[in-house]
C-alpha atoms as a PDB file:
ATOM      1  CA  MET A   1      92.750-100.632 -30.851  1.00  0.00           C
ATOM      2  CA  THR A   2      93.634 -99.225 -34.288  1.00  0.00           C
ATOM      3  CA  ILE A   3      94.340-101.009 -37.568  1.00  0.00           C
ATOM      4  CA  ASP A   4      95.896 -99.306 -40.582  1.00  0.00           C
ATOM      5  CA  VAL A   5      94.049-100.753 -43.555  1.00  0.00           C
ATOM      6  CA  SER A   6      94.961 -98.170 -46.158  1.00  0.00           C
ATOM      7  CA  CYS A   7      97.374-100.405 -48.066  1.00  0.00           C
ATOM      8  CA  VAL A   8      96.012-103.858 -47.226  1.00  0.00           C
ATOM      9  CA  LYS A   9      95.656-106.353 -50.069  1.00  0.00           C
ATOM     10  CA  ILE A  10      94.187-109.729 -49.254  1.00  0.00           C
ATOM     11  CA  SER A  11      92.642-112.608 -51.181  1.00  0.00           C
ATOM     12  CA  TYR A  12      88.880-112.998 -51.310  1.00  0.00           C
ATOM     13  CA  MET A  13      88.799-116.078 -49.058  1.00  0.00           C
ATOM     14  CA  ARG A  14      91.111-114.457 -46.530  1.00  0.00           C
ATOM     15  CA  TYR A  15      89.032-111.276 -46.663  1.00  0.00           C
ATOM     16  CA  MET A  16      85.807-113.143 -45.931  1.00  0.00           C
ATOM     17  CA  LYS A  17      87.363-115.120 -43.103  1.00  0.00           C
ATOM     18  CA  LEU A  18      88.891-112.035 -41.481  1.00  0.00           C
ATOM     19  CA  SER A  19      85.664-110.060 -41.830  1.00  0.00           C
ATOM     20  CA  ASN A  20      83.595-112.787 -40.212  1.00  0.00           C
ATOM     21  CA  GLN A  21      86.056-113.144 -37.347  1.00  0.00           C
ATOM     22  CA  LEU A  22      86.096-109.430 -36.615  1.00  0.00           C
ATOM     23  CA  LEU A  23      82.334-109.061 -36.880  1.00  0.00           C
ATOM     24  CA  SER A  24      81.891-111.856 -34.359  1.00  0.00           C
ATOM     25  CA  ALA A  25      84.641-110.553 -32.042  1.00  0.00           C
ATOM     26  CA  PRO A  26      83.895-109.123 -28.579  1.00  0.00           C
ATOM     27  CA  SER A  27      82.518-105.663 -28.326  1.00  0.00           C
ATOM     28  CA  THR A  28      85.909-104.267 -27.280  1.00  0.00           C
ATOM     29  CA  LEU A  29      86.550-103.457 -30.932  1.00  0.00           C
ATOM     30  CA  SER A  30      85.305-100.047 -31.931  1.00  0.00           C
ATOM     31  CA  ASP A  31      82.701 -99.605 -34.643  1.00  0.00           C
ATOM     32  CA  LYS A  32      85.224 -97.631 -36.664  1.00  0.00           C
ATOM     33  CA  THR A  33      87.681-100.538 -36.684  1.00  0.00           C
ATOM     34  CA  ARG A  34      84.994-102.988 -37.743  1.00  0.00           C
ATOM     35  CA  GLU A  35      83.810-100.783 -40.584  1.00  0.00           C
ATOM     36  CA  ALA A  36      87.391-100.143 -41.745  1.00  0.00           C
ATOM     37  CA  VAL A  37      88.227-103.844 -42.062  1.00  0.00           C
ATOM     38  CA  VAL A  38      84.950-104.754 -43.718  1.00  0.00           C
ATOM     39  CA  SER A  39      85.357-101.914 -46.204  1.00  0.00           C
ATOM     40  CA  VAL A  40      88.697-103.279 -47.473  1.00  0.00           C
ATOM     41  CA  LYS A  41      88.217-104.722 -50.947  1.00  0.00           C
ATOM     42  CA  PRO A  42      90.027-107.995 -51.607  1.00  0.00           C
ATOM     43  CA  ALA A  43      92.683-107.900 -54.290  1.00  0.00           C
ATOM     44  CA  ARG A  44      91.830-109.888 -57.388  1.00  0.00           C
ATOM     45  CA  SER A  45      94.059-112.863 -58.126  1.00  0.00           C
ATOM     46  CA  LYS A  46      95.743-112.381 -61.493  1.00  0.00           C
ATOM     47  CA  TRP A  47      99.040-113.055 -63.237  1.00  0.00           C
ATOM     48  CA  ASN A  48     101.332-110.096 -63.208  1.00  0.00           C
ATOM     49  CA  LEU A  49     103.586-111.075 -66.110  1.00  0.00           C
ATOM     50  CA  LYS A  50     105.418-107.789 -66.055  1.00  0.00           C
ATOM     51  CA  ARG A  51     106.466-108.158 -62.441  1.00  0.00           C
ATOM     52  CA  ASN A  52     106.981-111.954 -62.320  1.00  0.00           C
ATOM     53  CA  TRP A  53     108.219-112.703 -65.824  1.00  0.00           C
ATOM     54  CA  GLN A  54     111.418-114.287 -64.436  1.00  0.00           C
ATOM     55  CA  LEU A  55     109.391-116.921 -62.596  1.00  0.00           C
ATOM     56  CA  HIS A  56     107.355-117.687 -65.700  1.00  0.00           C
ATOM     57  CA  MET A  57     110.535-118.042 -67.740  1.00  0.00           C
ATOM     58  CA  MET A  58     111.836-120.558 -65.200  1.00  0.00           C
ATOM     59  CA  LEU A  59     108.694-122.617 -65.751  1.00  0.00           C
ATOM     60  CA  MET A  60     108.936-122.446 -69.533  1.00  0.00           C
ATOM     61  CA  PRO A  61     111.410-125.367 -70.103  1.00  0.00           C
ATOM     62  CA  ALA A  62     109.305-127.743 -68.003  1.00  0.00           C
ATOM     63  CA  PHE A  63     106.125-126.512 -69.689  1.00  0.00           C
ATOM     64  CA  LEU A  64     107.597-127.061 -73.169  1.00  0.00           C
ATOM     65  CA  LEU A  65     108.895-130.504 -72.179  1.00  0.00           C
ATOM     66  CA  VAL A  66     105.439-131.635 -71.049  1.00  0.00           C
ATOM     67  CA  LEU A  67     103.779-130.007 -74.046  1.00  0.00           C
ATOM     68  CA  VAL A  68     106.065-131.604 -76.655  1.00  0.00           C
ATOM     69  CA  PHE A  69     106.370-135.105 -75.202  1.00  0.00           C
ATOM     70  CA  HIS A  70     102.979-135.541 -73.506  1.00  0.00           C
ATOM     71  CA  TYR A  71     100.402-133.487 -75.358  1.00  0.00           C
ATOM     72  CA  PHE A  72     101.585-133.196 -78.957  1.00  0.00           C
ATOM     73  CA  PRO A  73     101.668-137.030 -79.408  1.00  0.00           C
ATOM     74  CA  LEU A  74      98.068-137.470 -78.180  1.00  0.00           C
ATOM     75  CA  PRO A  75      96.494-137.340 -81.683  1.00  0.00           C
ATOM     76  CA  GLY A  76      98.612-140.381 -82.544  1.00  0.00           C
ATOM     77  CA  LEU A  77      96.487-142.502 -80.202  1.00  0.00           C
ATOM     78  CA  VAL A  78      94.114-142.948 -83.124  1.00  0.00           C
ATOM     79  CA  MET A  79      96.599-145.569 -84.400  1.00  0.00           C
ATOM     80  CA  ALA A  80      95.304-147.885 -81.663  1.00  0.00           C
ATOM     81  CA  PHE A  81      92.067-148.142 -83.646  1.00  0.00           C
ATOM     82  CA  GLN A  82      93.732-148.592 -87.032  1.00  0.00           C
ATOM     83  CA  SER A  83      95.818-151.115 -88.877  1.00  0.00           C
ATOM     84  CA  PHE A  84      98.446-148.439 -89.189  1.00  0.00           C
ATOM     85  CA  LYS A  85     100.729-148.453 -92.229  1.00  0.00           C
ATOM     86  CA  PRO A  86     103.521-145.846 -92.238  1.00  0.00           C
ATOM     87  CA  TRP A  87     103.336-145.391 -96.019  1.00  0.00           C
ATOM     88  CA  LEU A  88      99.589-144.677 -95.808  1.00  0.00           C
ATOM     89  CA  GLY A  89      99.759-142.412 -92.776  1.00  0.00           C
ATOM     90  CA  ILE A  90      97.102-141.878 -90.122  1.00  0.00           C
ATOM     91  CA  ALA A  91      94.595-140.475 -92.595  1.00  0.00           C
ATOM     92  CA  GLY A  92      94.940-143.363 -95.067  1.00  0.00           C
ATOM     93  CA  SER A  93      95.319-146.385 -92.732  1.00  0.00           C
ATOM     94  CA  PRO A  94      92.252-148.673 -92.498  1.00  0.00           C
ATOM     95  CA  TRP A  95      90.048-148.432 -89.404  1.00  0.00           C
ATOM     96  CA  VAL A  96      89.753-151.639 -87.340  1.00  0.00           C
ATOM     97  CA  GLY A  97      87.939-150.401 -84.222  1.00  0.00           C
ATOM     98  CA  PHE A  98      88.737-152.352 -81.033  1.00  0.00           C
ATOM     99  CA  GLU A  99      90.414-155.236 -82.838  1.00  0.00           C
ATOM    100  CA  GLN A 100      93.869-154.241 -81.546  1.00  0.00           C
ATOM    101  CA  PHE A 101      92.601-154.244 -77.942  1.00  0.00           C
ATOM    102  CA  GLU A 102      91.078-157.692 -78.362  1.00  0.00           C
ATOM    103  CA  LYS A 103      94.492-158.976 -79.450  1.00  0.00           C
ATOM    104  CA  ILE A 104      96.007-157.895 -76.116  1.00  0.00           C
ATOM    105  CA  LEU A 105      94.313-160.752 -74.296  1.00  0.00           C
ATOM    106  CA  MET A 106      94.769-163.165 -77.204  1.00  0.00           C
ATOM    107  CA  VAL A 107      98.533-162.776 -77.726  1.00  0.00           C
ATOM    108  CA  SER A 108     100.482-164.810 -75.159  1.00  0.00           C
ATOM    109  CA  GLN A 109     103.431-162.404 -75.120  1.00  0.00           C
ATOM    110  CA  ALA A 110     101.147-159.472 -74.265  1.00  0.00           C
ATOM    111  CA  ARG A 111      99.569-161.452 -71.422  1.00  0.00           C
ATOM    112  CA  GLN A 112     103.008-162.416 -70.116  1.00  0.00           C
ATOM    113  CA  ALA A 113     104.162-158.792 -70.277  1.00  0.00           C
ATOM    114  CA  ILE A 114     101.169-157.760 -68.137  1.00  0.00           C
ATOM    115  CA  ILE A 115     101.890-160.534 -65.619  1.00  0.00           C
ATOM    116  CA  ASN A 116     105.594-159.636 -65.433  1.00  0.00           C
ATOM    117  CA  THR A 117     104.726-155.974 -64.938  1.00  0.00           C
ATOM    118  CA  LEU A 118     102.308-156.721 -62.108  1.00  0.00           C
ATOM    119  CA  VAL A 119     104.763-159.035 -60.339  1.00  0.00           C
ATOM    120  CA  ILE A 120     107.800-156.756 -60.612  1.00  0.00           C
ATOM    121  CA  ALA A 121     105.858-153.569 -59.785  1.00  0.00           C
ATOM    122  CA  SER A 122     104.142-155.197 -56.783  1.00  0.00           C
ATOM    123  CA  LEU A 123     107.476-156.402 -55.392  1.00  0.00           C
ATOM    124  CA  LYS A 124     108.980-152.944 -55.882  1.00  0.00           C
ATOM    125  CA  ILE A 125     106.064-151.207 -54.174  1.00  0.00           C
ATOM    126  CA  SER A 126     106.220-153.573 -51.201  1.00  0.00           C
ATOM    127  CA  CYS A 127     109.971-153.208 -50.773  1.00  0.00           C
ATOM    128  CA  HIS A 128     109.826-149.428 -51.230  1.00  0.00           C
ATOM    129  CA  LEU A 129     107.457-149.279 -48.280  1.00  0.00           C
ATOM    130  CA  VAL A 130     109.335-151.569 -45.918  1.00  0.00           C
ATOM    131  CA  VAL A 131     112.987-150.682 -46.581  1.00  0.00           C
ATOM    132  CA  PRO A 132     112.782-146.849 -46.418  1.00  0.00           C
ATOM    133  CA  PHE A 133     110.444-147.125 -43.407  1.00  0.00           C
ATOM    134  CA  THR A 134     112.949-149.284 -41.519  1.00  0.00           C
ATOM    135  CA  PHE A 135     115.943-147.220 -42.628  1.00  0.00           C
ATOM    136  CA  ALA A 136     114.304-143.975 -41.461  1.00  0.00           C
ATOM    137  CA  ILE A 137     113.692-145.437 -38.004  1.00  0.00           C
ATOM    138  CA  LEU A 138     117.266-146.700 -37.697  1.00  0.00           C
ATOM    139  CA  LEU A 139     118.716-143.412 -38.911  1.00  0.00           C
ATOM    140  CA  SER A 140     116.542-141.362 -36.553  1.00  0.00           C
ATOM    141  CA  GLU A 141     117.873-143.377 -33.614  1.00  0.00           C
ATOM    142  CA  THR A 142     121.467-142.446 -34.475  1.00  0.00           C
ATOM    143  CA  ARG A 143     122.780-139.867 -32.015  1.00  0.00           C
ATOM    144  CA  ASN A 144     126.004-139.023 -33.875  1.00  0.00           C
ATOM    145  CA  VAL A 145     124.970-136.128 -36.115  1.00  0.00           C
ATOM    146  CA  VAL A 146     128.111-136.265 -38.284  1.00  0.00           C
ATOM    147  CA  PHE A 147     127.696-139.980 -38.936  1.00  0.00           C
ATOM    148  CA  LYS A 148     124.010-139.432 -39.743  1.00  0.00           C
ATOM    149  CA  ARG A 149     124.806-136.735 -42.328  1.00  0.00           C
ATOM    150  CA  ILE A 150     127.463-138.890 -43.968  1.00  0.00           C
ATOM    151  CA  VAL A 151     125.101-141.866 -44.235  1.00  0.00           C
ATOM    152  CA  GLN A 152     122.334-139.686 -45.653  1.00  0.00           C
ATOM    153  CA  SER A 153     124.645-138.279 -48.310  1.00  0.00           C
ATOM    154  CA  PHE A 154     125.779-141.738 -49.408  1.00  0.00           C
ATOM    155  CA  VAL A 155     122.291-143.252 -49.620  1.00  0.00           C
ATOM    156  CA  TYR A 156     120.826-140.231 -51.442  1.00  0.00           C
ATOM    157  CA  LEU A 157     123.482-140.211 -54.165  1.00  0.00           C
ATOM    158  CA  PRO A 158     122.392-143.319 -56.179  1.00  0.00           C
ATOM    159  CA  HIS A 159     118.939-141.820 -56.775  1.00  0.00           C
ATOM    160  CA  PHE A 160     120.472-139.121 -58.968  1.00  0.00           C
ATOM    161  CA  LEU A 161     122.415-141.550 -61.167  1.00  0.00           C
ATOM    162  CA  SER A 162     120.792-142.711 -64.396  1.00  0.00           C
ATOM    163  CA  TRP A 163     120.127-146.360 -65.128  1.00  0.00           C
ATOM    164  CA  VAL A 164     122.406-146.115 -68.144  1.00  0.00           C
ATOM    165  CA  ILE A 165     125.334-145.593 -65.777  1.00  0.00           C
ATOM    166  CA  LEU A 166     124.164-147.988 -63.094  1.00  0.00           C
ATOM    167  CA  SER A 167     123.390-150.780 -65.568  1.00  0.00           C
ATOM    168  CA  GLY A 168     127.021-150.841 -66.667  1.00  0.00           C
ATOM    169  CA  ILE A 169     128.116-151.021 -63.029  1.00  0.00           C
ATOM    170  CA  PHE A 170     125.691-153.819 -62.194  1.00  0.00           C
ATOM    171  CA  LEU A 171     126.610-155.803 -65.307  1.00  0.00           C
ATOM    172  CA  ASP A 172     130.199-155.857 -64.076  1.00  0.00           C
ATOM    173  CA  MET A 173     129.279-156.514 -60.442  1.00  0.00           C
ATOM    174  CA  PHE A 174     126.959-159.456 -61.201  1.00  0.00           C
ATOM    175  CA  SER A 175     129.073-160.937 -63.982  1.00  0.00           C
ATOM    176  CA  THR A 176     129.946-164.618 -63.674  1.00  0.00           C
ATOM    177  CA  ASP A 177     133.394-163.847 -65.071  1.00  0.00           C
ATOM    178  CA  GLY A 178     135.159-161.949 -62.317  1.00  0.00           C
ATOM    179  CA  GLY A 179     132.153-160.070 -60.913  1.00  0.00           C
ATOM    180  CA  ILE A 180     132.665-158.900 -57.345  1.00  0.00           C
ATOM    181  CA  VAL A 181     129.376-160.457 -56.159  1.00  0.00           C
ATOM    182  CA  ASN A 182     130.175-163.920 -57.498  1.00  0.00           C
ATOM    183  CA  GLN A 183     133.722-163.651 -56.190  1.00  0.00           C
ATOM    184  CA  ALA A 184     132.294-163.010 -52.708  1.00  0.00           C
ATOM    185  CA  LEU A 185     129.918-165.960 -53.093  1.00  0.00           C
ATOM    186  CA  GLY A 186     132.849-168.152 -54.146  1.00  0.00           C
ATOM    187  CA  LEU A 187     134.653-167.359 -50.878  1.00  0.00           C
ATOM    188  CA  ILE A 188     131.835-169.033 -48.935  1.00  0.00           C
ATOM    189  CA  GLY A 189     131.572-171.990 -51.281  1.00  0.00           C
ATOM    190  CA  ILE A 190     128.624-170.929 -53.465  1.00  0.00           C
ATOM    191  CA  ARG A 191     128.842-171.503 -57.209  1.00  0.00           C
ATOM    192  CA  PRO A 192     128.594-168.445 -59.516  1.00  0.00           C
ATOM    193  CA  ILE A 193     125.046-167.249 -60.222  1.00  0.00           C
ATOM    194  CA  PHE A 194     124.051-165.656 -63.515  1.00  0.00           C
ATOM    195  CA  PHE A 195     121.884-162.967 -61.897  1.00  0.00           C
ATOM    196  CA  LEU A 196     121.090-161.081 -65.104  1.00  0.00           C
ATOM    197  CA  GLY A 197     120.907-164.121 -67.382  1.00  0.00           C
ATOM    198  CA  ASP A 198     118.892-166.582 -65.283  1.00  0.00           C
ATOM    199  CA  ARG A 199     115.148-165.980 -65.538  1.00  0.00           C
ATOM    200  CA  ASN A 200     114.677-167.287 -61.985  1.00  0.00           C
ATOM    201  CA  TRP A 201     117.056-164.662 -60.567  1.00  0.00           C
ATOM    202  CA  PHE A 202     116.329-161.716 -62.849  1.00  0.00           C
ATOM    203  CA  ARG A 203     113.253-160.410 -61.033  1.00  0.00           C
ATOM    204  CA  PHE A 204     115.023-160.569 -57.685  1.00  0.00           C
ATOM    205  CA  THR A 205     117.999-158.685 -59.137  1.00  0.00           C
ATOM    206  CA  VAL A 206     115.770-156.001 -60.665  1.00  0.00           C
ATOM    207  CA  VAL A 207     113.896-155.396 -57.423  1.00  0.00           C
ATOM    208  CA  PHE A 208     117.071-155.435 -55.313  1.00  0.00           C
ATOM    209  CA  THR A 209     118.921-152.952 -57.511  1.00  0.00           C
ATOM    210  CA  ASP A 210     115.912-150.630 -57.733  1.00  0.00           C
ATOM    211  CA  VAL A 211     115.495-150.597 -53.950  1.00  0.00           C
ATOM    212  CA  TRP A 212     119.221-149.982 -53.489  1.00  0.00           C
ATOM    213  CA  LYS A 213     119.034-147.024 -55.854  1.00  0.00           C
ATOM    214  CA  ASN A 214     115.975-145.312 -54.388  1.00  0.00           C
ATOM    215  CA  PHE A 215     115.492-146.317 -50.743  1.00  0.00           C
ATOM    216  CA  GLY A 216     117.584-143.436 -49.397  1.00  0.00           C
ATOM    217  CA  TYR A 217     115.665-140.809 -51.301  1.00  0.00           C
ATOM    218  CA  SER A 218     112.327-142.465 -50.449  1.00  0.00           C
ATOM    219  CA  ALA A 219     113.209-142.331 -46.749  1.00  0.00           C
ATOM    220  CA  ILE A 220     113.064-138.517 -46.748  1.00  0.00           C
ATOM    221  CA  VAL A 221     109.289-138.456 -46.320  1.00  0.00           C
ATOM    222  CA  TYR A 222     109.514-140.876 -43.369  1.00  0.00           C
ATOM    223  CA  LEU A 223     112.286-138.850 -41.732  1.00  0.00           C
ATOM    224  CA  ALA A 224     110.078-135.780 -42.095  1.00  0.00           C
ATOM    225  CA  ALA A 225     107.226-137.658 -40.411  1.00  0.00           C
ATOM    226  CA  ILE A 226     109.499-138.597 -37.503  1.00  0.00           C
ATOM    227  CA  THR A 227     110.620-134.984 -37.166  1.00  0.00           C
ATOM    228  CA  GLY A 228     106.978-133.922 -36.907  1.00  0.00           C
ATOM    229  CA  ILE A 229     106.291-136.160 -33.883  1.00  0.00           C
ATOM    230  CA  ASP A 230     105.852-134.146 -30.682  1.00  0.00           C
ATOM    231  CA  PRO A 231     109.071-134.445 -28.557  1.00  0.00           C
ATOM    232  CA  ASN A 232     106.949-134.194 -25.418  1.00  0.00           C
ATOM    233  CA  LEU A 233     105.664-137.690 -26.134  1.00  0.00           C
ATOM    234  CA  TYR A 234     109.190-139.096 -25.888  1.00  0.00           C
ATOM    235  CA  GLU A 235     109.865-137.130 -22.717  1.00  0.00           C
ATOM    236  CA  ALA A 236     106.681-138.408 -21.100  1.00  0.00           C
ATOM    237  CA  ALA A 237     107.494-141.979 -22.134  1.00  0.00           C
ATOM    238  CA  TYR A 238     111.030-141.651 -20.730  1.00  0.00           C
ATOM    239  CA  ILE A 239     109.675-140.393 -17.403  1.00  0.00           C
ATOM    240  CA  ASP A 240     107.301-143.373 -17.317  1.00  0.00           C
ATOM    241  CA  GLY A 241     110.300-145.695 -17.737  1.00  0.00           C
ATOM    242  CA  ALA A 242     110.037-146.605 -21.418  1.00  0.00           C
ATOM    243  CA  ASN A 243     113.310-147.617 -23.089  1.00  0.00           C
ATOM    244  CA  ARG A 244     114.339-146.672 -26.652  1.00  0.00           C
ATOM    245  CA  LEU A 245     112.758-149.768 -28.183  1.00  0.00           C
ATOM    246  CA  GLN A 246     109.457-149.150 -26.419  1.00  0.00           C
ATOM    247  CA  GLN A 247     109.484-145.488 -27.447  1.00  0.00           C
ATOM    248  CA  THR A 248     110.038-146.516 -31.064  1.00  0.00           C
ATOM    249  CA  TRP A 249     107.304-149.141 -30.964  1.00  0.00           C
ATOM    250  CA  TYR A 250     104.637-147.066 -29.226  1.00  0.00           C
ATOM    251  CA  ILE A 251     105.459-143.524 -30.437  1.00  0.00           C
ATOM    252  CA  THR A 252     107.642-143.439 -33.562  1.00  0.00           C
ATOM    253  CA  ILE A 253     105.959-146.199 -35.557  1.00  0.00           C
ATOM    254  CA  PRO A 254     102.366-145.048 -34.846  1.00  0.00           C
ATOM    255  CA  GLY A 255     103.418-141.514 -35.781  1.00  0.00           C
ATOM    256  CA  MET A 256     104.663-142.779 -39.151  1.00  0.00           C
ATOM    257  CA  ILE A 257     101.586-144.847 -39.985  1.00  0.00           C
ATOM    258  CA  PRO A 258      99.538-142.011 -41.578  1.00  0.00           C
ATOM    259  CA  ILE A 259     102.222-141.025 -44.086  1.00  0.00           C
ATOM    260  CA  THR A 260     102.879-144.716 -44.770  1.00  0.00           C
ATOM    261  CA  ILE A 261      99.211-145.188 -45.669  1.00  0.00           C
ATOM    262  CA  VAL A 262      99.393-142.207 -48.010  1.00  0.00           C
ATOM    263  CA  VAL A 263     102.586-143.417 -49.716  1.00  0.00           C
ATOM    264  CA  GLY A 264     101.314-146.974 -50.051  1.00  0.00           C
ATOM    265  CA  THR A 265      97.942-145.913 -51.380  1.00  0.00           C
ATOM    266  CA  LEU A 266      99.371-143.520 -53.956  1.00  0.00           C
ATOM    267  CA  ALA A 267     101.810-146.223 -55.049  1.00  0.00           C
ATOM    268  CA  LEU A 268      98.846-148.231 -56.351  1.00  0.00           C
ATOM    269  CA  GLY A 269      98.761-145.878 -59.315  1.00  0.00           C
ATOM    270  CA  ASN A 270     102.196-147.170 -60.350  1.00  0.00           C
ATOM    271  CA  VAL A 271     101.311-150.846 -60.271  1.00  0.00           C
ATOM    272  CA  LEU A 272     101.684-150.982 -64.073  1.00  0.00           C
ATOM    273  CA  ASN A 273     104.952-149.017 -64.064  1.00  0.00           C
ATOM    274  CA  ALA A 274     107.756-151.478 -63.453  1.00  0.00           C
ATOM    275  CA  GLY A 275     110.529-149.148 -64.645  1.00  0.00           C
ATOM    276  CA  PHE A 276     111.294-149.061 -68.362  1.00  0.00           C
ATOM    277  CA  ASP A 277     114.747-147.465 -67.981  1.00  0.00           C
ATOM    278  CA  GLN A 278     115.960-150.128 -65.595  1.00  0.00           C
ATOM    279  CA  ILE A 279     114.512-153.150 -67.393  1.00  0.00           C
ATOM    280  CA  PHE A 280     115.569-151.951 -70.832  1.00  0.00           C
ATOM    281  CA  ASN A 281     119.189-151.509 -69.730  1.00  0.00           C
ATOM    282  CA  LEU A 282     119.433-154.766 -67.769  1.00  0.00           C
ATOM    283  CA  TYR A 283     117.388-157.403 -69.590  1.00  0.00           C
ATOM    284  CA  ASN A 284     118.414-159.635 -72.484  1.00  0.00           C
ATOM    285  CA  PRO A 285     116.799-162.396 -74.612  1.00  0.00           C
ATOM    286  CA  LEU A 286     117.643-165.018 -71.975  1.00  0.00           C
ATOM    287  CA  VAL A 287     115.191-163.471 -69.500  1.00  0.00           C
ATOM    288  CA  TYR A 288     112.426-162.276 -71.824  1.00  0.00           C
ATOM    289  CA  SER A 289     109.960-164.791 -70.367  1.00  0.00           C
ATOM    290  CA  THR A 290     110.128-163.239 -66.880  1.00  0.00           C
ATOM    291  CA  GLY A 291     111.811-159.905 -67.530  1.00  0.00           C
ATOM    292  CA  TYR A 292     110.059-157.970 -70.258  1.00  0.00           C
ATOM    293  CA  ILE A 293     107.277-155.657 -69.114  1.00  0.00           C
ATOM    294  CA  ILE A 294     104.523-153.679 -70.844  1.00  0.00           C
ATOM    295  CA  ASP A 295     106.797-150.755 -71.700  1.00  0.00           C
ATOM    296  CA  THR A 296     109.568-152.881 -73.170  1.00  0.00           C
ATOM    297  CA  TYR A 297     106.984-155.004 -75.010  1.00  0.00           C
ATOM    298  CA  VAL A 298     105.496-151.860 -76.576  1.00  0.00           C
ATOM    299  CA  TYR A 299     109.011-150.820 -77.614  1.00  0.00           C
ATOM    300  CA  ARG A 300     109.726-154.179 -79.233  1.00  0.00           C
ATOM    301  CA  VAL A 301     106.350-154.477 -80.965  1.00  0.00           C
ATOM    302  CA  SER A 302     106.187-150.883 -82.212  1.00  0.00           C
ATOM    303  CA  LEU A 303     109.710-149.712 -82.981  1.00  0.00           C
ATOM    304  CA  ILE A 304     111.398-153.043 -83.748  1.00  0.00           C
ATOM    305  CA  ALA A 305     108.619-155.213 -85.219  1.00  0.00           C
ATOM    306  CA  GLY A 306     106.832-152.254 -86.830  1.00  0.00           C
ATOM    307  CA  ASP A 307     103.324-153.096 -85.544  1.00  0.00           C
ATOM    308  CA  TYR A 308     102.568-149.524 -84.528  1.00  0.00           C
ATOM    309  CA  GLY A 309      98.816-150.001 -84.165  1.00  0.00           C
ATOM    310  CA  PHE A 310      99.070-152.901 -81.720  1.00  0.00           C
ATOM    311  CA  GLY A 311     101.895-151.243 -79.779  1.00  0.00           C
ATOM    312  CA  THR A 312      99.822-148.069 -79.420  1.00  0.00           C
ATOM    313  CA  ALA A 313      96.845-150.108 -78.238  1.00  0.00           C
ATOM    314  CA  VAL A 314      98.923-151.812 -75.530  1.00  0.00           C
ATOM    315  CA  GLY A 315     100.329-148.480 -74.392  1.00  0.00           C
ATOM    316  CA  MET A 316      96.859-146.912 -74.336  1.00  0.00           C
ATOM    317  CA  PHE A 317      95.508-149.873 -72.376  1.00  0.00           C
ATOM    318  CA  LYS A 318      98.217-149.355 -69.770  1.00  0.00           C
ATOM    319  CA  SER A 319      97.540-145.604 -69.563  1.00  0.00           C
ATOM    320  CA  VAL A 320      93.793-146.026 -69.083  1.00  0.00           C
ATOM    321  CA  VAL A 321      94.225-148.669 -66.370  1.00  0.00           C
ATOM    322  CA  SER A 322      96.881-146.543 -64.628  1.00  0.00           C
ATOM    323  CA  PHE A 323      94.583-143.511 -64.714  1.00  0.00           C
ATOM    324  CA  ILE A 324      91.775-145.492 -63.098  1.00  0.00           C
ATOM    325  CA  LEU A 325      94.137-146.830 -60.434  1.00  0.00           C
ATOM    326  CA  ILE A 326      95.387-143.315 -59.665  1.00  0.00           C
ATOM    327  CA  ILE A 327      91.819-142.073 -59.169  1.00  0.00           C
ATOM    328  CA  ILE A 328      91.091-145.025 -56.860  1.00  0.00           C
ATOM    329  CA  ALA A 329      94.357-144.422 -54.989  1.00  0.00           C
ATOM    330  CA  TYR A 330      93.535-140.760 -54.360  1.00  0.00           C
ATOM    331  CA  ARG A 331      90.081-141.679 -53.110  1.00  0.00           C
ATOM    332  CA  LEU A 332      91.515-144.279 -50.743  1.00  0.00           C
ATOM    333  CA  ALA A 333      94.179-141.837 -49.518  1.00  0.00           C
ATOM    334  CA  TYR A 334      91.496-139.278 -48.754  1.00  0.00           C
ATOM    335  CA  LYS A 335      89.311-141.847 -46.999  1.00  0.00           C
ATOM    336  CA  PHE A 336      91.952-143.476 -44.803  1.00  0.00           C
ATOM    337  CA  ALA A 337      94.531-140.677 -44.326  1.00  0.00           C
ATOM    338  CA  ASN A 338      92.526-137.511 -45.104  1.00  0.00           C
ATOM    339  CA  TYR A 339      95.033-136.719 -47.864  1.00  0.00           C
ATOM    340  CA  ARG A 340      93.969-134.769 -50.920  1.00  0.00           C
ATOM    341  CA  ILE A 341      95.633-132.692 -53.618  1.00  0.00           C
ATOM    342  CA  PHE A 342      92.626-130.749 -54.883  1.00  0.00           C
END
């Protein structure tokens, strides 16, 4: 057995693994081969800007976007600890410590914004687990490939449309004056419903429209999980006399449970993200009591009312809680599904 190792370049971890395997291999390998592989020096991992500059240039727009909108504003968080006055600036505004954070639990509107966010986000998370899960199973059972591709294309499309566009569509669809939804309800004898103006219906409308927009795209991960199930399991079940429903119940669903645990656990980190784009484009003063969330409340308090210090404190409170929830979610995902990023 001969191995040409004259031009081999391998990483350090790969080098160590390969060396250990060969050193512990049977004695059929010659001493010369063993010494040759062990003598190969692992290539050092480094950026080769001259050779890969095109790839780095492709990353540059995303890097600048994150840098400008996520890192440059960080020094402004000091406003959360000040009674910020624009004409005095950050350096001249008086320091108030944690007073702004204490107001979060004292102001009724802030408390209501937190409650609305938790309710809407929890409903969205629950529906985004159940609906894509069910849709993926139904789609995987479709035997007509052409029909399956057409359905996938139609349900993926709404995900790539902005809420600015969709809000205009939904405002017309749910309108009490000629909206297609209320016209359909009128045909079966139901009086028109002000979906986007009735605080009792607004949350339902927000969750329904968000699920409609994203369930197709969210189903991709479940379809991938179904594809990864061993086909031999279905063949064995068919030979044992299992019908399609039994195969789905005892093979498909259990095979999807691990990825469902991962998705559900990681979704806990978004429990305070109810969707600013959607709410901001759909809500109105009639539904403020049940519709405005933390993000829209920060917008109203900071940019409209001019209380920049309190608005920054609310936003910082949300960020800190979300960060803690994300850490907990990753730990739970690793514990129950052996999923980890780092």
